[in-house]
Amino acid sequence: MKKWSCTVCGYEAEGDDPPDICPVCGVDHTMFELVETKGDSNAIDEGTLKRIKTSIRQFSYGMFIVTTKSGDKVNGQTANTVFQLTSEPNQIGVALNNGNYTNELVKESKKLAVHVMGQDSLGILGHFGFQSGRTVDKFKNYPCEIENDLPLLKKEVLSILEGHVVNALDVGTHTLFVVNVDDGFVNEDKKGIEPMTYSDFRTLKKGGTVAKSTEAKAEKQPEIKKERGENAMDMTKYVCTVCGYVHDPAVEGIAFADLPDSYECPVCGVGKDQFKPEA
């Protein structure tokens, strides 16, 4: 029997496959990871598994959006496993969860585009990562340009690599696509913005700051200090109960209570009522 854990809220379930929808936070099955297989004589003990996971978390990952188009079907997803394989020819490896709609469309179309995201991309990464293209049009609020029969988000990215799949390896929960790079794009309007790493993403989601992408927000902090006193701003942090994003008044420059009722989580898009004070 397999044991699955929701990577967003920590809910655990048992079964051959993860649940279609997390009953706690509402994300789909693609946000679950396999954590244990009961009854397996070769199963790794808990201490060893913890050491392995801790070591793996030391790996450096980027944050990307992978898009594709198969006939009239267009979709994209957030991914962190994209890497160069060879330089002659230019080949990259892209790993996508086998349960993801994008994986399905890439297998049909045999082509994809990898978007390199900057440190200013928290919102769009959450938008493309915390919902399924089977039920949501992810491009509704992020219009794309179709070039070489691929959907490209040129305004939102640092750069793009377009390519065709030359091999695909099923590695269990994911498929590793080997992609020959056919074309590239560099967004000149975003020069000076650093690429988003997975570590950056986790820090920003929790309300922290990273170099360059949050300089504008950091400038608001002196104003907050001036306001402290009789009319001091409420500095309570609020946490999104769905994805874990933290609204920090010291970073955002506004108390949570002063946000409009229409406020949505910049990572997963849920409403203000899904936040609670940080414990």
Protein backbone atom coordinates (compact mmCIF):
# COMPACT_ATOMS: atom_id res chain seq x y z
CA MET A 1 0.00 0.00 0.00
CA LYS A 2 1.36 3.41 -0.97
CA LYS A 3 1.27 6.50 1.23
CA TRP A 4 0.93 9.95 -0.34
CA SER A 5 1.51 13.40 1.16
CA CYS A 6 0.08 16.70 -0.09
CA THR A 7 3.04 19.04 -0.67
CA VAL A 8 0.84 22.07 0.03
CA CYS A 9 -0.88 21.28 3.35
CA GLY A 10 0.69 17.99 4.50
CA TYR A 11 -2.49 15.87 4.32
CA GLU A 12 -1.64 12.16 3.97
CA ALA A 13 -3.58 9.45 2.15
CA GLU A 14 -3.10 5.76 1.41
CA GLY A 15 -3.81 3.96 -1.85
CA ASP A 16 -2.31 2.91 -5.15
CA ASP A 17 -2.79 6.47 -6.43
CA PRO A 18 -3.10 9.87 -4.70
CA PRO A 19 -6.61 11.34 -4.26
CA ASP A 20 -7.90 13.40 -7.19
CA ILE A 21 -8.47 16.38 -4.88
CA CYS A 22 -6.91 17.09 -1.48
CA PRO A 23 -9.83 17.19 1.00
CA VAL A 24 -8.00 19.77 3.15
CA CYS A 25 -6.61 22.40 0.79
CA GLY A 26 -8.29 21.55 -2.53
CA VAL A 27 -5.24 21.10 -4.80
CA ASP A 28 -5.32 18.29 -7.35
CA HIS A 29 -3.44 14.97 -7.38
CA THR A 30 -0.37 16.47 -9.04
CA MET A 31 0.57 18.20 -5.78
CA PHE A 32 0.95 14.85 -3.91
CA GLU A 33 4.25 13.00 -3.50
CA LEU A 34 4.87 9.37 -2.66
CA VAL A 35 6.34 9.12 0.84
CA GLU A 36 6.05 5.44 1.76
CA THR A 37 5.19 1.99 0.40
CA LYS A 38 3.94 -0.25 3.20
CA GLY A 39 4.88 -3.93 3.15
CA ASP A 40 7.94 -3.41 0.91
CA SER A 41 10.84 -5.43 2.29
CA ASN A 42 13.21 -2.99 0.60
CA ALA A 43 11.54 0.07 2.16
CA ILE A 44 13.97 2.65 3.55
CA ASP A 45 13.81 3.24 7.30
CA GLU A 46 12.58 6.62 8.54
CA GLY A 47 16.00 7.90 9.63
CA THR A 48 17.64 7.11 6.31
CA LEU A 49 14.71 8.59 4.39
CA LYS A 50 15.00 11.82 6.39
CA ARG A 51 18.72 12.10 5.61
CA ILE A 52 18.08 11.48 1.91
CA LYS A 53 15.34 14.11 1.73
CA THR A 54 17.47 16.64 3.61
CA SER A 55 20.35 16.06 1.19
CA ILE A 56 18.12 16.32 -1.87
CA ARG A 57 16.76 19.64 -0.60
CA GLN A 58 20.31 21.00 -0.85
CA PHE A 59 20.09 20.68 -4.64
CA SER A 60 19.76 23.96 -6.50
CA TYR A 61 16.66 24.22 -8.69
CA GLY A 62 15.29 26.92 -10.94
CA MET A 63 11.62 27.84 -11.35
CA PHE A 64 10.12 27.51 -14.81
CA ILE A 65 6.83 27.46 -16.65
CA VAL A 66 6.57 24.75 -19.30
CA THR A 67 3.95 25.29 -22.02
CA THR A 68 2.77 23.23 -24.97
CA LYS A 69 0.02 23.03 -27.60
CA SER A 70 -1.63 19.97 -29.08
CA GLY A 71 -4.20 20.83 -31.72
CA ASP A 72 -6.57 23.33 -30.10
CA LYS A 73 -5.49 22.34 -26.58
CA VAL A 74 -3.09 24.76 -24.87
CA ASN A 75 -1.67 24.39 -21.38
CA GLY A 76 1.25 25.16 -19.12
CA GLN A 77 2.55 24.30 -15.67
CA THR A 78 5.14 25.35 -13.13
CA ALA A 79 8.19 23.08 -13.01
CA ASN A 80 11.53 23.04 -11.22
CA THR A 81 13.34 20.17 -12.94
CA VAL A 82 14.84 21.58 -16.14
CA PHE A 83 18.53 21.22 -16.93
CA GLN A 84 21.02 21.19 -19.79
CA LEU A 85 22.07 17.78 -21.07
CA THR A 86 24.41 18.54 -23.98
CA SER A 87 25.75 21.57 -25.83
CA GLU A 88 26.24 19.93 -29.24
CA PRO A 89 23.43 19.61 -30.05
CA ASN A 90 21.74 21.88 -27.51
CA GLN A 91 19.61 19.49 -25.47
CA ILE A 92 17.75 19.95 -22.21
CA GLY A 93 15.98 17.58 -19.84
CA VAL A 94 12.49 18.42 -18.58
CA ALA A 95 10.75 16.28 -15.93
CA LEU A 96 6.95 16.52 -15.66
CA ASN A 97 4.57 14.67 -13.34
CA ASN A 98 2.74 11.85 -15.13
CA GLY A 99 -0.58 13.04 -13.73
CA ASN A 100 -0.23 16.53 -15.15
CA TYR A 101 -2.24 17.74 -18.14
CA THR A 102 0.88 19.37 -19.60
CA ASN A 103 2.66 16.00 -19.56
CA GLU A 104 -0.25 14.50 -21.50
CA LEU A 105 -0.17 17.26 -24.14
CA VAL A 106 3.63 17.13 -24.54
CA LYS A 107 3.37 13.40 -25.27
CA GLU A 108 0.82 14.22 -27.97
CA SER A 109 2.55 17.26 -29.52
CA LYS A 110 6.20 16.22 -29.04
CA LYS A 111 7.15 19.85 -28.41
CA LEU A 112 7.33 22.34 -25.55
CA ALA A 113 8.58 25.75 -24.46
CA VAL A 114 10.50 26.34 -21.24
CA HIS A 115 10.06 29.81 -19.69
CA VAL A 116 12.84 30.97 -17.35
CA MET A 117 11.16 32.97 -14.57
CA GLY A 118 12.57 35.92 -12.64
CA GLN A 119 12.41 36.80 -8.97
CA ASP A 120 9.42 39.03 -9.77
CA SER A 121 7.31 36.04 -10.88
CA LEU A 122 5.76 34.75 -7.65
CA GLY A 123 2.18 35.38 -8.74
CA ILE A 124 2.31 33.75 -12.16
CA LEU A 125 4.25 30.75 -10.81
CA GLY A 126 1.49 30.17 -8.29
CA HIS A 127 -1.17 30.67 -10.95
CA PHE A 128 0.33 28.02 -13.23
CA GLY A 129 1.25 25.69 -10.36
CA PHE A 130 -1.72 25.49 -8.00
CA GLN A 131 -4.52 24.60 -10.42
CA SER A 132 -5.11 22.20 -13.28
CA GLY A 133 -5.50 23.17 -16.93
CA ARG A 134 -8.13 20.46 -17.23
CA THR A 135 -10.57 22.70 -15.33
CA VAL A 136 -9.08 26.22 -15.61
CA ASP A 137 -7.93 28.33 -18.55
CA LYS A 138 -4.55 29.34 -17.19
CA PHE A 139 -3.98 31.80 -20.03
CA LYS A 140 -7.13 33.84 -19.37
CA ASN A 141 -5.26 36.42 -17.28
CA TYR A 142 -1.90 35.81 -18.94
CA PRO A 143 -2.37 36.10 -22.73
CA CYS A 144 0.18 34.20 -24.78
CA GLU A 145 1.59 34.56 -28.28
CA ILE A 146 1.50 31.47 -30.52
CA GLU A 147 4.80 31.07 -32.35
CA ASN A 148 6.06 27.88 -33.98
CA ASP A 149 2.78 26.37 -32.76
CA LEU A 150 3.78 26.94 -29.11
CA PRO A 151 2.20 29.29 -26.52
CA LEU A 152 4.78 31.82 -25.33
CA LEU A 153 4.45 34.16 -22.33
CA LYS A 154 7.01 36.69 -23.55
CA LYS A 155 6.02 39.60 -21.31
CA GLU A 156 6.28 37.57 -18.10
CA VAL A 157 9.65 35.86 -18.46
CA LEU A 158 13.39 36.40 -18.55
CA SER A 159 13.88 34.04 -21.48
CA ILE A 160 12.34 31.11 -23.37
CA LEU A 161 13.69 27.95 -24.98
CA GLU A 162 11.56 26.19 -27.61
CA GLY A 163 12.20 22.63 -28.67
CA HIS A 164 10.99 19.25 -29.85
CA VAL A 165 11.04 16.00 -27.89
CA VAL A 166 13.53 13.40 -29.14
CA ASN A 167 13.17 10.91 -26.30
CA ALA A 168 11.02 10.30 -23.23
CA LEU A 169 11.83 8.14 -20.22
CA ASP A 170 9.17 7.03 -17.74
CA VAL A 171 10.83 7.31 -14.31
CA GLY A 172 7.81 6.31 -12.21
CA THR A 173 5.91 9.37 -11.00
CA HIS A 174 7.39 11.56 -13.77
CA THR A 175 8.43 11.45 -17.40
CA LEU A 176 11.86 12.82 -18.30
CA PHE A 177 11.64 14.45 -21.72
CA VAL A 178 14.84 14.91 -23.74
CA VAL A 179 14.37 18.04 -25.83
CA ASN A 180 16.37 19.40 -28.77
CA VAL A 181 16.37 23.21 -28.51
CA ASP A 182 15.19 24.83 -31.74
CA ASP A 183 14.86 28.52 -30.84
CA GLY A 184 15.23 30.99 -28.00
CA PHE A 185 13.94 34.33 -26.79
CA VAL A 186 15.45 36.88 -24.36
CA ASN A 187 13.26 39.54 -22.73
CA GLU A 188 15.33 42.73 -22.94
CA ASP A 189 12.83 44.53 -20.68
CA LYS A 190 13.81 42.32 -17.75
CA LYS A 191 17.55 42.73 -17.80
CA GLY A 192 18.94 42.97 -14.28
CA ILE A 193 16.32 40.69 -12.73
CA GLU A 194 17.79 37.52 -11.29
CA PRO A 195 16.32 34.09 -12.19
CA MET A 196 13.97 32.65 -9.59
CA THR A 197 15.33 29.62 -7.74
CA TYR A 198 13.19 27.13 -5.85
CA SER A 199 14.74 28.47 -2.65
CA ASP A 200 13.69 32.01 -3.65
CA PHE A 201 10.15 30.77 -4.33
CA ARG A 202 9.84 29.16 -0.90
CA THR A 203 11.24 32.27 0.81
CA LEU A 204 8.93 34.68 -1.03
CA LYS A 205 5.90 32.45 -0.49
CA LYS A 206 6.51 32.67 3.25
CA GLY A 207 6.66 36.46 3.10
CA GLY A 208 10.45 36.76 3.12
CA THR A 209 12.65 38.80 0.81
CA VAL A 210 15.38 37.97 -1.68
CA ALA A 211 17.87 40.23 -3.42
CA LYS A 212 16.69 42.50 -6.27
CA SER A 213 13.15 41.18 -6.69
CA THR A 214 11.92 42.85 -3.52
CA GLU A 215 13.84 46.12 -3.52
CA ALA A 216 10.67 48.11 -4.18
CA LYS A 217 8.91 46.44 -1.26
CA ALA A 218 11.88 46.97 1.03
CA GLU A 219 11.70 50.71 0.40
CA LYS A 220 8.31 50.77 2.13
CA GLN A 221 9.73 49.69 5.46
CA PRO A 222 10.97 53.14 6.62
CA GLU A 223 7.41 54.46 6.13
CA ILE A 224 6.09 51.74 8.41
CA LYS A 225 8.52 52.70 11.15
CA LYS A 226 7.37 56.31 11.03
CA GLU A 227 3.79 55.23 11.57
CA ARG A 228 4.50 53.30 14.75
CA GLY A 229 3.10 55.00 17.80
CA GLU A 230 -0.47 55.98 18.60
CA ASN A 231 -1.63 55.00 15.10
CA ALA A 232 0.82 52.14 14.65
CA MET A 233 0.14 49.68 11.86
CA ASP A 234 -0.99 46.20 12.84
CA MET A 235 2.11 44.12 12.03
CA THR A 236 0.42 40.72 12.42
CA LYS A 237 1.41 38.28 9.69
CA TYR A 238 -1.34 36.30 7.98
CA VAL A 239 -0.84 32.87 6.37
CA CYS A 240 -2.73 31.44 3.39
CA THR A 241 -4.22 28.15 4.61
CA VAL A 242 -4.06 26.69 1.09
CA CYS A 243 -0.50 27.30 -0.11
CA GLY A 244 1.31 28.72 2.92
CA TYR A 245 2.02 32.19 1.48
CA VAL A 246 2.65 34.73 4.26
CA HIS A 247 1.40 38.33 4.09
CA ASP A 248 3.94 40.35 6.07
CA PRO A 249 3.05 44.05 6.61
CA ALA A 250 6.74 44.84 7.12
CA VAL A 251 7.38 43.71 3.54
CA GLU A 252 4.11 44.62 1.81
CA GLY A 253 3.67 48.02 3.47
CA ILE A 254 0.03 47.42 4.38
CA ALA A 255 -1.74 45.66 7.26
CA PHE A 256 -3.77 42.60 6.33
CA ALA A 257 -6.96 44.19 7.71
CA ASP A 258 -6.50 47.12 5.32
CA LEU A 259 -6.39 44.95 2.22
CA PRO A 260 -9.55 45.17 0.06
CA ASP A 261 -12.15 42.41 0.34
CA SER A 262 -11.31 41.47 -3.25
CA TYR A 263 -7.71 40.63 -2.28
CA GLU A 264 -6.46 37.27 -3.57
CA CYS A 265 -3.43 35.24 -2.53
CA PRO A 266 -0.65 36.15 -5.01
CA VAL A 267 0.51 32.54 -5.12
CA CYS A 268 -2.59 30.33 -5.32
CA GLY A 269 -5.38 32.87 -5.92
CA VAL A 270 -7.74 32.07 -3.03
CA GLY A 271 -9.66 34.86 -1.33
CA LYS A 272 -8.87 36.87 1.78
CA ASP A 273 -11.12 34.63 3.89
CA GLN A 274 -8.66 31.75 3.43
CA PHE A 275 -5.97 33.50 5.50
CA LYS A 276 -5.42 33.19 9.24
CA PRO A 277 -3.04 34.95 11.69
CA GLU A 278 0.38 33.34 11.91
CA ALA A 279 0.72 31.23 15.05
